[in-house]
């Protein structure tokens, strides 16, 4: 019998090496090598030992043969609705049978809440809920809290006979797959992948080898049986999915929660999706009865304070294909300790420093001796270049102590020479601003969008019941000095 060998795994990317290395050659991380004992391929257990355990029968290796591309019969996948419109839209119209979906996020942000709300929202799905972190009573207590929200939405609560959820407290992956093969559920949820282990791997749950083996076995089960599987995953202190990077490569879709877990709003972002677009987000509000879907995030992210406050500006951003308006807050004050501070929440600090340098070099505003603090309202993390113009206006508003009117929004990228550059799909941003009742929008002078078209969009929004019936005025600016003249005149 072959002996077990010792190898070194990188806990960051999952690459395997025969000896210890201080720095991983693949990902460049330092001190991430973990020593693991690898079982021989022929030993009982492991992925080969459980092949077919609890799964649908498939053709043996001798019966499989390659198919020509023209011979493959393609038909549109029948997607399964999860009972939550925002999650269905994020996945591309519902979950695909046989897919493996990974949901990650910080502790307490709502991963387990969402995973339990899904089967409660759609009782027609026979769901096997596998938990390795909680007891059955704990899951029942959470289901009791969520039942009020389910009843309010017209769905049965956790005590209803139609709530078709089976709770299975187990961490051995072989037993889990065997039970899933016996019960044949419509959906399986595993909470979490870091608590599961395989008997064929001689290491602790959550290690690199265990996570790789568990994910591979679940993927094989999903593909062979056609049962969609939702995995809950932990994240590291840096905000990445915990475990080897290969975990994200194995699964079909990766959804990650963003936002402060102390706040009320959560953003579920699609990082990877083999069956749909990754340019989509879903916004939720955490309430006492669970996560509530937010159909129109713009109405929640626009100002909730009195008018006349300086240091605020509204940005018309586009996250994927979804236009949103949110508030950018800035505070400029004299540096107390001699060295000016630069702090940004939800925005790249390096880009903030670049914009401040542009203001000083191209527009003559001396901000080197002043502290600048920036915040994206609602706990959003913004990477859209169109936010540059709103950031600049918020900083100038706080510096001048001049309030920007509440019915004015901004969409433009600021270049190093101080020019205002056009942004993608500006027409959709303007139409969303008009629908929400904004009267004026500042865009680049080089933007190819017609004012007549924007006014028509605003009037159409007004007919649909929004306050933008009078249309919206487009103000074109070419550079920062021209922006200051037109905005703070």
Foldseek 3Di string as FASTA:
>chain_A
DDDWAKWKAQFAAGDIGRDDDQADPPPGDGPRIDIFTGDDPPDAWFLVNLVPQLAADDDDPVPDDDDDPVPDDDDDFDADALLDVQVCVQQPRHHGFLFEEEEEEAPLQAPVLVVLVSLQNPLVFQEEEEEAPDDPVVSVVLQVLQQVVSVVVVTHGPPDPSSRYHYHYDAALSVVSNVCSVVVTQEYEYHALQRHAIPNGPDHRNAQVGSVRSLVNSSSRRNRHRRYYYHYFYADPVGHTGGHPVSVVSGQWYWYWAFDSVAFKIKIFTPHHNRHDRQDIWMWGQDSNGTHGDPACQVVAADPDDALFALKAWAFDGRRNDTHIHIKGKAKAFDDPQFAAQEEQLEDSVVVVLLVVLCCPQVNDDRRRIHMYIYTPPRHRDDFQQCSVRNNRSHVRNVVVGTFDSLEHEGFHADNNFWTHAGPPVLVSLLVSLLQPRAEYEHAPPDPDDQVSQQVSSCVSVVVPGNNNRGHYYDHDTGDVRVCVVGVD
